[in-house]
Amino acid sequence: RMTIPQTNFKLGYFITDHYSISIGVDHMKYVMDNNRKKTVNGYINL
């Protein structure tokens, strides 16, 4: 169930005493707020 919370994974390596390189995944979650009035521009013609 590790993908259910918002998580951060990182794996890295120090190329010098001070500098490092890494790869990672920031697992964030984005929920657009509903039931609010917003300005809409464009058309719908289904």
All heavy atoms as atom14 arrays in JSON, in Angstrom:
{
  "sequence": "RMTIPQTNFKLGYFITDHYSISIGVDHMKYVMDNNRKKTVNGYINL",
  "atom14_mask": [
    [1, 1, 1, 1, 1, 1, 1, 1, 1, 1, 1, 0, 0, 0],
    [1, 1, 1, 1, 1, 1, 1, 1, 0, 0, 0, 0, 0, 0],
    [1, 1, 1, 1, 1, 1, 1, 0, 0, 0, 0, 0, 0, 0],
    [1, 1, 1, 1, 1, 1, 1, 1, 0, 0, 0, 0, 0, 0],
    [1, 1, 1, 1, 1, 1, 1, 0, 0, 0, 0, 0, 0, 0],
    [1, 1, 1, 1, 1, 1, 1, 1, 1, 0, 0, 0, 0, 0],
    [1, 1, 1, 1, 1, 1, 1, 0, 0, 0, 0, 0, 0, 0],
    [1, 1, 1, 1, 1, 1, 1, 1, 0, 0, 0, 0, 0, 0],
    [1, 1, 1, 1, 1, 1, 1, 1, 1, 1, 1, 0, 0, 0],
    [1, 1, 1, 1, 1, 1, 1, 1, 1, 0, 0, 0, 0, 0],
    [1, 1, 1, 1, 1, 1, 1, 1, 0, 0, 0, 0, 0, 0],
    [1, 1, 1, 1, 0, 0, 0, 0, 0, 0, 0, 0, 0, 0],
    [1, 1, 1, 1, 1, 1, 1, 1, 1, 1, 1, 1, 0, 0],
    [1, 1, 1, 1, 1, 1, 1, 1, 1, 1, 1, 0, 0, 0],
    [1, 1, 1, 1, 1, 1, 1, 1, 0, 0, 0, 0, 0, 0],
    [1, 1, 1, 1, 1, 1, 1, 0, 0, 0, 0, 0, 0, 0],
    [1, 1, 1, 1, 1, 1, 1, 1, 0, 0, 0, 0, 0, 0],
    [1, 1, 1, 1, 1, 1, 1, 1, 1, 1, 0, 0, 0, 0],
    [1, 1, 1, 1, 1, 1, 1, 1, 1, 1, 1, 1, 0, 0],
    [1, 1, 1, 1, 1, 1, 0, 0, 0, 0, 0, 0, 0, 0],
    [1, 1, 1, 1, 1, 1, 1, 1, 0, 0, 0, 0, 0, 0],
    [1, 1, 1, 1, 1, 1, 0, 0, 0, 0, 0, 0, 0, 0],
    [1, 1, 1, 1, 1, 1, 1, 1, 0, 0, 0, 0, 0, 0],
    [1, 1, 1, 1, 0, 0, 0, 0, 0, 0, 0, 0, 0, 0],
    [1, 1, 1, 1, 1, 1, 1, 0, 0, 0, 0, 0, 0, 0],
    [1, 1, 1, 1, 1, 1, 1, 1, 0, 0, 0, 0, 0, 0],
    [1, 1, 1, 1, 1, 1, 1, 1, 1, 1, 0, 0, 0, 0],
    [1, 1, 1, 1, 1, 1, 1, 1, 0, 0, 0, 0, 0, 0],
    [1, 1, 1, 1, 1, 1, 1, 1, 1, 0, 0, 0, 0, 0],
    [1, 1, 1, 1, 1, 1, 1, 1, 1, 1, 1, 1, 0, 0],
    [1, 1, 1, 1, 1, 1, 1, 0, 0, 0, 0, 0, 0, 0],
    [1, 1, 1, 1, 1, 1, 1, 1, 0, 0, 0, 0, 0, 0],
    [1, 1, 1, 1, 1, 1, 1, 1, 0, 0, 0, 0, 0, 0],
    [1, 1, 1, 1, 1, 1, 1, 1, 0, 0, 0, 0, 0, 0],
    [1, 1, 1, 1, 1, 1, 1, 1, 0, 0, 0, 0, 0, 0],
    [1, 1, 1, 1, 1, 1, 1, 1, 1, 1, 1, 0, 0, 0],
    [1, 1, 1, 1, 1, 1, 1, 1, 1, 0, 0, 0, 0, 0],
    [1, 1, 1, 1, 1, 1, 1, 1, 1, 0, 0, 0, 0, 0],
    [1, 1, 1, 1, 1, 1, 1, 0, 0, 0, 0, 0, 0, 0],
    [1, 1, 1, 1, 1, 1, 1, 0, 0, 0, 0, 0, 0, 0],
    [1, 1, 1, 1, 1, 1, 1, 1, 0, 0, 0, 0, 0, 0],
    [1, 1, 1, 1, 0, 0, 0, 0, 0, 0, 0, 0, 0, 0],
    [1, 1, 1, 1, 1, 1, 1, 1, 1, 1, 1, 1, 0, 0],
    [1, 1, 1, 1, 1, 1, 1, 1, 0, 0, 0, 0, 0, 0],
    [1, 1, 1, 1, 1, 1, 1, 1, 0, 0, 0, 0, 0, 0],
    [1, 1, 1, 1, 1, 1, 1, 1, 0, 0, 0, 0, 0, 0]
  ],
  "atom14_positions": [
    [[0.81, -1.22, 0.0], [0.0, 0.0, 0.0], [0.85, 1.28, 0.0], [0.38, 2.34, 0.34], [-0.93, 0.0, 1.23], [-1.93, -1.14, 1.21], [-2.75, -1.18, 2.5], [-3.55, 0.02, 2.67], [-4.75, 0.21, 2.12], [-5.27, -0.73, 1.33], [-5.43, 1.32, 2.33], [0.0, 0.0, 0.0], [0.0, 0.0, 0.0], [0.0, 0.0, 0.0]],
    [[2.1, 1.16, -0.43], [3.02, 2.29, -0.37], [2.65, 3.43, -1.31], [3.1, 4.56, -1.13], [4.45, 1.83, -0.67], [5.15, 1.22, 0.52], [6.86, 0.81, 0.14], [7.49, 0.45, 1.78], [0.0, 0.0, 0.0], [0.0, 0.0, 0.0], [0.0, 0.0, 0.0], [0.0, 0.0, 0.0], [0.0, 0.0, 0.0], [0.0, 0.0, 0.0]],
    [[1.84, 3.17, -2.34], [1.47, 4.23, -3.28], [0.25, 5.01, -2.82], [-0.15, 5.97, -3.46], [1.2, 3.66, -4.68], [0.09, 2.75, -4.61], [2.41, 2.94, -5.22], [0.0, 0.0, 0.0], [0.0, 0.0, 0.0], [0.0, 0.0, 0.0], [0.0, 0.0, 0.0], [0.0, 0.0, 0.0], [0.0, 0.0, 0.0], [0.0, 0.0, 0.0]],
    [[-0.37, 4.59, -1.71], [-1.56, 5.29, -1.23], [-1.2, 6.61, -0.54], [-1.82, 7.64, -0.83], [-2.39, 4.37, -0.31], [-2.95, 3.2, -1.14], [-3.52, 5.14, 0.36], [-3.72, 2.2, -0.34], [0.0, 0.0, 0.0], [0.0, 0.0, 0.0], [0.0, 0.0, 0.0], [0.0, 0.0, 0.0], [0.0, 0.0, 0.0], [0.0, 0.0, 0.0]],
    [[-0.2, 6.65, 0.34], [0.19, 7.96, 0.91], [1.05, 8.76, -0.08], [1.44, 8.27, -1.14], [1.0, 7.57, 2.16], [1.38, 6.16, 1.99], [0.5, 5.54, 0.97], [0.0, 0.0, 0.0], [0.0, 0.0, 0.0], [0.0, 0.0, 0.0], [0.0, 0.0, 0.0], [0.0, 0.0, 0.0], [0.0, 0.0, 0.0], [0.0, 0.0, 0.0]],
    [[1.34, 9.98, 0.28], [2.23, 10.85, -0.51], [3.66, 10.58, -0.05], [4.0, 10.81, 1.11], [1.84, 12.31, -0.3], [0.41, 12.58, -0.74], [-0.1, 13.95, -0.34], [-1.16, 14.37, -0.79], [0.61, 14.68, 0.5], [0.0, 0.0, 0.0], [0.0, 0.0, 0.0], [0.0, 0.0, 0.0], [0.0, 0.0, 0.0], [0.0, 0.0, 0.0]],
    [[4.5, 10.11, -0.97], [5.81, 9.62, -0.57], [6.94, 10.2, -1.43], [6.71, 10.76, -2.5], [5.86, 8.08, -0.68], [5.5, 7.69, -2.01], [4.89, 7.44, 0.31], [0.0, 0.0, 0.0], [0.0, 0.0, 0.0], [0.0, 0.0, 0.0], [0.0, 0.0, 0.0], [0.0, 0.0, 0.0], [0.0, 0.0, 0.0], [0.0, 0.0, 0.0]],
    [[8.17, 10.02, -0.93], [9.38, 10.44, -1.64], [10.43, 9.34, -1.53], [10.74, 8.88, -0.43], [9.95, 11.73, -1.03], [9.01, 12.89, -1.16], [8.04, 13.0, -0.41], [9.29, 13.76, -2.11], [0.0, 0.0, 0.0], [0.0, 0.0, 0.0], [0.0, 0.0, 0.0], [0.0, 0.0, 0.0], [0.0, 0.0, 0.0], [0.0, 0.0, 0.0]],
    [[10.98, 8.95, -2.69], [12.07, 7.96, -2.73], [13.27, 8.6, -3.41], [13.13, 9.35, -4.38], [11.65, 6.73, -3.52], [12.79, 5.81, -3.85], [13.3, 4.95, -2.88], [13.39, 5.83, -5.1], [14.38, 4.11, -3.16], [14.46, 5.01, -5.4], [14.95, 4.14, -4.43], [0.0, 0.0, 0.0], [0.0, 0.0, 0.0], [0.0, 0.0, 0.0]],
    [[14.46, 8.27, -2.89], [15.67, 8.82, -3.49], [16.83, 7.84, -3.35], [16.99, 7.19, -2.3], [16.05, 10.15, -2.83], [17.27, 10.82, -3.44], [17.58, 12.14, -2.75], [16.5, 13.15, -3.04], [16.82, 14.49, -2.48], [0.0, 0.0, 0.0], [0.0, 0.0, 0.0], [0.0, 0.0, 0.0], [0.0, 0.0, 0.0], [0.0, 0.0, 0.0]],
    [[17.64, 7.74, -4.41], [18.86, 6.94, -4.41], [19.96, 7.81, -4.99], [19.81, 8.35, -6.09], [18.69, 5.68, -5.25], [19.93, 4.8, -5.43], [20.38, 4.2, -4.09], [19.66, 3.7, -6.44], [0.0, 0.0, 0.0], [0.0, 0.0, 0.0], [0.0, 0.0, 0.0], [0.0, 0.0, 0.0], [0.0, 0.0, 0.0], [0.0, 0.0, 0.0]],
    [[21.08, 7.97, -4.24], [22.1, 8.9, -4.7], [23.51, 8.44, -4.4], [23.74, 7.43, -3.74], [0.0, 0.0, 0.0], [0.0, 0.0, 0.0], [0.0, 0.0, 0.0], [0.0, 0.0, 0.0], [0.0, 0.0, 0.0], [0.0, 0.0, 0.0], [0.0, 0.0, 0.0], [0.0, 0.0, 0.0], [0.0, 0.0, 0.0], [0.0, 0.0, 0.0]],
    [[24.47, 9.25, -4.91], [25.88, 8.93, -4.79], [26.68, 10.23, -4.68], [26.44, 11.18, -5.43], [26.33, 8.16, -6.03], [27.81, 7.84, -6.09], [28.35, 6.84, -5.29], [28.65, 8.54, -6.95], [29.71, 6.54, -5.35], [30.01, 8.26, -7.02], [30.53, 7.25, -6.21], [31.88, 6.96, -6.26], [0.0, 0.0, 0.0], [0.0, 0.0, 0.0]],
    [[27.61, 10.28, -3.73], [28.47, 11.44, -3.56], [29.65, 11.34, -4.53], [30.48, 10.43, -4.43], [28.99, 11.52, -2.13], [28.06, 12.22, -1.19], [27.17, 11.5, -0.4], [28.04, 13.6, -1.11], [26.29, 12.14, 0.45], [27.17, 14.26, -0.25], [26.29, 13.53, 0.53], [0.0, 0.0, 0.0], [0.0, 0.0, 0.0], [0.0, 0.0, 0.0]],
    [[29.73, 12.29, -5.47], [30.84, 12.31, -6.42], [32.05, 13.04, -5.83], [33.18, 12.86, -6.29], [30.41, 12.96, -7.75], [29.83, 14.35, -7.52], [29.41, 12.08, -8.47], [29.45, 15.08, -8.81], [0.0, 0.0, 0.0], [0.0, 0.0, 0.0], [0.0, 0.0, 0.0], [0.0, 0.0, 0.0], [0.0, 0.0, 0.0], [0.0, 0.0, 0.0]],
    [[31.82, 13.89, -4.82], [32.89, 14.51, -4.04], [32.43, 14.51, -2.59], [31.35, 14.03, -2.26], [33.2, 15.96, -4.49], [32.12, 16.81, -4.07], [33.35, 16.04, -6.01], [0.0, 0.0, 0.0], [0.0, 0.0, 0.0], [0.0, 0.0, 0.0], [0.0, 0.0, 0.0], [0.0, 0.0, 0.0], [0.0, 0.0, 0.0], [0.0, 0.0, 0.0]],
    [[33.24, 15.11, -1.71], [32.84, 15.18, -0.3], [31.59, 16.02, -0.1], [30.85, 15.85, 0.88], [33.98, 15.75, 0.55], [35.06, 14.72, 0.81], [34.79, 13.51, 0.63], [36.18, 15.12, 1.18], [0.0, 0.0, 0.0], [0.0, 0.0, 0.0], [0.0, 0.0, 0.0], [0.0, 0.0, 0.0], [0.0, 0.0, 0.0], [0.0, 0.0, 0.0]],
    [[31.33, 16.97, -1.0], [30.21, 17.89, -0.83], [29.1, 17.73, -1.86], [27.96, 18.09, -1.58], [30.71, 19.35, -0.86], [31.57, 19.73, 0.29], [31.08, 19.95, 1.56], [32.91, 19.91, 0.38], [32.06, 20.26, 2.38], [33.18, 20.24, 1.68], [0.0, 0.0, 0.0], [0.0, 0.0, 0.0], [0.0, 0.0, 0.0], [0.0, 0.0, 0.0]],
    [[29.4, 17.22, -3.04], [28.42, 17.2, -4.12], [27.94, 15.77, -4.42], [28.74, 14.82, -4.43], [29.0, 17.82, -5.38], [29.2, 19.31, -5.26], [30.46, 19.84, -4.97], [28.13, 20.2, -5.42], [30.64, 21.21, -4.83], [28.31, 21.57, -5.29], [29.57, 22.06, -4.99], [29.73, 23.41, -4.86], [0.0, 0.0, 0.0], [0.0, 0.0, 0.0]],
    [[26.63, 15.68, -4.66], [26.04, 14.37, -4.94], [25.07, 14.46, -6.11], [24.55, 15.53, -6.44], [25.29, 13.83, -3.71], [24.16, 14.65, -3.42], [0.0, 0.0, 0.0], [0.0, 0.0, 0.0], [0.0, 0.0, 0.0], [0.0, 0.0, 0.0], [0.0, 0.0, 0.0], [0.0, 0.0, 0.0], [0.0, 0.0, 0.0], [0.0, 0.0, 0.0]],
    [[24.83, 13.32, -6.74], [23.81, 13.19, -7.78], [22.83, 12.11, -7.31], [23.19, 11.19, -6.58], [24.41, 12.81, -9.14], [25.28, 11.55, -9.02], [25.2, 13.97, -9.72], [25.83, 11.05, -10.35], [0.0, 0.0, 0.0], [0.0, 0.0, 0.0], [0.0, 0.0, 0.0], [0.0, 0.0, 0.0], [0.0, 0.0, 0.0], [0.0, 0.0, 0.0]],
    [[21.57, 12.26, -7.7], [20.56, 11.3, -7.24], [19.42, 11.21, -8.24], [19.21, 12.1, -9.07], [20.01, 11.7, -5.86], [19.33, 12.95, -5.95], [0.0, 0.0, 0.0], [0.0, 0.0, 0.0], [0.0, 0.0, 0.0], [0.0, 0.0, 0.0], [0.0, 0.0, 0.0], [0.0, 0.0, 0.0], [0.0, 0.0, 0.0], [0.0, 0.0, 0.0]],
    [[18.69, 10.11, -8.15], [17.44, 9.95, -8.88], [16.36, 9.66, -7.84], [16.63, 9.1, -6.78], [17.5, 8.81, -9.92], [17.91, 7.48, -9.26], [18.45, 9.15, -11.05], [17.83, 6.28, -10.18], [0.0, 0.0, 0.0], [0.0, 0.0, 0.0], [0.0, 0.0, 0.0], [0.0, 0.0, 0.0], [0.0, 0.0, 0.0], [0.0, 0.0, 0.0]],
    [[15.13, 10.08, -8.15], [14.07, 9.88, -7.16], [12.69, 10.01, -7.77], [12.53, 10.4, -8.93], [0.0, 0.0, 0.0], [0.0, 0.0, 0.0], [0.0, 0.0, 0.0], [0.0, 0.0, 0.0], [0.0, 0.0, 0.0], [0.0, 0.0, 0.0], [0.0, 0.0, 0.0], [0.0, 0.0, 0.0], [0.0, 0.0, 0.0], [0.0, 0.0, 0.0]],
    [[11.71, 9.68, -6.96], [10.31, 9.82, -7.34], [9.59, 10.56, -6.22], [9.57, 10.11, -5.07], [9.63, 8.45, -7.57], [8.16, 8.65, -7.92], [10.34, 7.67, -8.65], [0.0, 0.0, 0.0], [0.0, 0.0, 0.0], [0.0, 0.0, 0.0], [0.0, 0.0, 0.0], [0.0, 0.0, 0.0], [0.0, 0.0, 0.0], [0.0, 0.0, 0.0]],
    [[9.03, 11.72, -6.56], [8.17, 12.46, -5.63], [6.73, 12.09, -5.97], [6.2, 12.51, -7.01], [8.37, 13.96, -5.78], [9.76, 14.41, -5.38], [10.55, 13.56, -4.94], [10.06, 15.6, -5.52], [0.0, 0.0, 0.0], [0.0, 0.0, 0.0], [0.0, 0.0, 0.0], [0.0, 0.0, 0.0], [0.0, 0.0, 0.0], [0.0, 0.0, 0.0]],
    [[6.13, 11.28, -5.12], [4.76, 10.81, -5.34], [3.81, 11.77, -4.64], [3.47, 11.61, -3.47], [4.61, 9.38, -4.79], [3.25, 8.79, -4.98], [2.78, 8.38, -6.2], [2.27, 8.52, -4.09], [1.56, 7.88, -6.07], [1.23, 7.96, -4.78], [0.0, 0.0, 0.0], [0.0, 0.0, 0.0], [0.0, 0.0, 0.0], [0.0, 0.0, 0.0]],
    [[3.41, 12.82, -5.39], [2.51, 13.82, -4.85], [1.07, 13.48, -5.28], [0.85, 12.61, -6.12], [2.9, 15.21, -5.36], [4.3, 15.62, -4.96], [4.78, 17.26, -5.57], [5.23, 16.88, -7.27], [0.0, 0.0, 0.0], [0.0, 0.0, 0.0], [0.0, 0.0, 0.0], [0.0, 0.0, 0.0], [0.0, 0.0, 0.0], [0.0, 0.0, 0.0]],
    [[0.12, 14.18, -4.71], [-1.29, 14.0, -5.1], [-1.91, 15.38, -5.29], [-1.71, 16.28, -4.48], [-2.04, 13.2, -4.05], [-1.58, 11.74, -3.96], [-2.36, 10.95, -2.94], [-1.81, 9.53, -2.76], [-2.09, 8.68, -3.91], [0.0, 0.0, 0.0], [0.0, 0.0, 0.0], [0.0, 0.0, 0.0], [0.0, 0.0, 0.0], [0.0, 0.0, 0.0]],
    [[-2.69, 15.5, -6.39], [-3.28, 16.77, -6.8], [-4.76, 16.55, -7.02], [-5.16, 15.74, -7.86], [-2.59, 17.23, -8.09], [-3.13, 18.51, -8.7], [-2.43, 19.71, -8.56], [-4.31, 18.52, -9.44], [-2.9, 20.88, -9.15], [-4.78, 19.68, -10.03], [-4.08, 20.86, -9.89], [-4.54, 22.01, -10.47], [0.0, 0.0, 0.0], [0.0, 0.0, 0.0]],
    [[-5.59, 17.26, -6.27], [-7.04, 17.12, -6.37], [-7.64, 18.5, -6.67], [-7.6, 19.4, -5.82], [-7.65, 16.56, -5.07], [-9.17, 16.41, -5.22], [-7.01, 15.23, -4.7], [0.0, 0.0, 0.0], [0.0, 0.0, 0.0], [0.0, 0.0, 0.0], [0.0, 0.0, 0.0], [0.0, 0.0, 0.0], [0.0, 0.0, 0.0], [0.0, 0.0, 0.0]],
    [[-8.19, 18.67, -7.88], [-8.84, 19.94, -8.21], [-10.07, 20.12, -7.34], [-10.86, 19.19, -7.15], [-9.24, 19.95, -9.69], [-9.71, 21.3, -10.18], [-10.56, 21.23, -11.77], [-12.17, 20.58, -11.25], [0.0, 0.0, 0.0], [0.0, 0.0, 0.0], [0.0, 0.0, 0.0], [0.0, 0.0, 0.0], [0.0, 0.0, 0.0], [0.0, 0.0, 0.0]],
    [[-10.23, 21.32, -6.81], [-11.37, 21.61, -5.94], [-12.65, 21.7, -6.76], [-12.73, 22.47, -7.73], [-11.14, 22.92, -5.19], [-9.94, 22.85, -4.27], [-9.69, 21.76, -3.72], [-9.25, 23.88, -4.1], [0.0, 0.0, 0.0], [0.0, 0.0, 0.0], [0.0, 0.0, 0.0], [0.0, 0.0, 0.0], [0.0, 0.0, 0.0], [0.0, 0.0, 0.0]],
    [[-13.65, 20.9, -6.39], [-14.95, 20.9, -7.07], [-15.97, 21.76, -6.34], [-15.73, 22.27, -5.25], [-15.48, 19.47, -7.21], [-14.86, 18.72, -8.36], [-13.99, 17.87, -8.16], [-15.3, 19.02, -9.58], [0.0, 0.0, 0.0], [0.0, 0.0, 0.0], [0.0, 0.0, 0.0], [0.0, 0.0, 0.0], [0.0, 0.0, 0.0], [0.0, 0.0, 0.0]],
    [[-17.13, 21.9, -7.0], [-18.28, 22.62, -6.45], [-17.93, 24.07, -6.08], [-18.37, 24.6, -5.06], [-18.83, 21.87, -5.22], [-19.28, 20.47, -5.59], [-19.98, 20.26, -6.58], [-18.86, 19.49, -4.79], [0.0, 0.0, 0.0], [0.0, 0.0, 0.0], [0.0, 0.0, 0.0], [0.0, 0.0, 0.0], [0.0, 0.0, 0.0], [0.0, 0.0, 0.0]],
    [[-17.13, 24.68, -6.96], [-16.8, 26.08, -6.82], [-17.03, 26.78, -8.16], [-16.82, 26.19, -9.22], [-15.34, 26.26, -6.39], [-15.04, 25.6, -5.06], [-13.65, 25.91, -4.57], [-13.35, 25.23, -3.32], [-12.23, 25.38, -2.62], [-11.31, 26.23, -3.05], [-12.04, 24.71, -1.5], [0.0, 0.0, 0.0], [0.0, 0.0, 0.0], [0.0, 0.0, 0.0]],
    [[-17.44, 28.01, -8.11], [-17.66, 28.76, -9.34], [-16.32, 29.23, -9.9], [-15.5, 29.83, -9.19], [-18.58, 29.95, -9.1], [-20.05, 29.57, -9.03], [-20.93, 30.8, -9.07], [-22.4, 30.4, -9.16], [-23.3, 31.59, -9.25], [0.0, 0.0, 0.0], [0.0, 0.0, 0.0], [0.0, 0.0, 0.0], [0.0, 0.0, 0.0], [0.0, 0.0, 0.0]],
    [[-16.09, 28.94, -11.18], [-14.88, 29.34, -11.86], [-15.22, 29.97, -13.21], [-16.25, 29.66, -13.8], [-13.96, 28.13, -12.08], [-13.43, 27.5, -10.8], [-12.53, 28.46, -10.04], [-12.01, 27.86, -8.74], [-11.16, 28.82, -7.99], [0.0, 0.0, 0.0], [0.0, 0.0, 0.0], [0.0, 0.0, 0.0], [0.0, 0.0, 0.0], [0.0, 0.0, 0.0]],
    [[-14.33, 30.82, -13.68], [-14.5, 31.42, -14.99], [-14.14, 30.4, -16.06], [-13.06, 29.78, -16.01], [-13.62, 32.67, -15.15], [-13.98, 33.61, -14.14], [-13.79, 33.29, -16.52], [0.0, 0.0, 0.0], [0.0, 0.0, 0.0], [0.0, 0.0, 0.0], [0.0, 0.0, 0.0], [0.0, 0.0, 0.0], [0.0, 0.0, 0.0], [0.0, 0.0, 0.0]],
    [[-15.05, 30.2, -17.03], [-14.85, 29.24, -18.11], [-14.91, 29.97, -19.44], [-15.81, 30.77, -19.69], [-15.91, 28.12, -18.06], [-15.66, 27.1, -19.18], [-15.9, 27.41, -16.7], [0.0, 0.0, 0.0], [0.0, 0.0, 0.0], [0.0, 0.0, 0.0], [0.0, 0.0, 0.0], [0.0, 0.0, 0.0], [0.0, 0.0, 0.0], [0.0, 0.0, 0.0]],
    [[-13.94, 29.66, -20.31], [-13.92, 30.19, -21.67], [-13.81, 29.05, -22.67], [-13.04, 28.1, -22.45], [-12.73, 31.14, -21.86], [-12.98, 32.52, -21.29], [-13.81, 33.26, -21.8], [-12.28, 32.85, -20.2], [0.0, 0.0, 0.0], [0.0, 0.0, 0.0], [0.0, 0.0, 0.0], [0.0, 0.0, 0.0], [0.0, 0.0, 0.0], [0.0, 0.0, 0.0]],
    [[-14.57, 29.13, -23.76], [-14.51, 28.11, -24.8], [-15.88, 27.64, -25.21], [-16.88, 28.35, -25.05], [0.0, 0.0, 0.0], [0.0, 0.0, 0.0], [0.0, 0.0, 0.0], [0.0, 0.0, 0.0], [0.0, 0.0, 0.0], [0.0, 0.0, 0.0], [0.0, 0.0, 0.0], [0.0, 0.0, 0.0], [0.0, 0.0, 0.0], [0.0, 0.0, 0.0]],
    [[-15.94, 26.43, -25.74], [-17.23, 25.89, -26.19], [-17.31, 24.39, -25.94], [-16.28, 23.69, -25.84], [-17.43, 26.18, -27.68], [-16.53, 25.34, -28.59], [-16.95, 24.09, -29.07], [-15.26, 25.79, -28.94], [-16.13, 23.32, -29.87], [-14.43, 25.02, -29.75], [-14.88, 23.78, -30.21], [-14.06, 23.02, -31.01], [0.0, 0.0, 0.0], [0.0, 0.0, 0.0]],
    [[-18.53, 23.89, -25.84], [-18.83, 22.46, -25.79], [-19.98, 22.23, -26.76], [-21.03, 22.89, -26.67], [-19.24, 22.01, -24.37], [-18.11, 22.3, -23.37], [-19.57, 20.51, -24.36], [-18.51, 22.08, -21.92], [0.0, 0.0, 0.0], [0.0, 0.0, 0.0], [0.0, 0.0, 0.0], [0.0, 0.0, 0.0], [0.0, 0.0, 0.0], [0.0, 0.0, 0.0]],
    [[-19.79, 21.31, -27.72], [-20.81, 21.05, -28.74], [-20.86, 19.55, -29.02], [-20.6, 19.09, -30.14], [-20.5, 21.84, -30.01], [-21.62, 21.75, -31.03], [-22.78, 21.53, -30.68], [-21.28, 21.9, -32.31], [0.0, 0.0, 0.0], [0.0, 0.0, 0.0], [0.0, 0.0, 0.0], [0.0, 0.0, 0.0], [0.0, 0.0, 0.0], [0.0, 0.0, 0.0]],
    [[-21.21, 18.78, -28.0], [-21.25, 17.32, -28.12], [-22.52, 16.89, -28.85], [-23.54, 17.6, -28.82], [-21.2, 16.69, -26.74], [-19.94, 16.97, -25.89], [-20.09, 16.35, -24.51], [-18.67, 16.45, -26.57], [0.0, 0.0, 0.0], [0.0, 0.0, 0.0], [0.0, 0.0, 0.0], [0.0, 0.0, 0.0], [0.0, 0.0, 0.0], [0.0, 0.0, 0.0]]
  ]
}
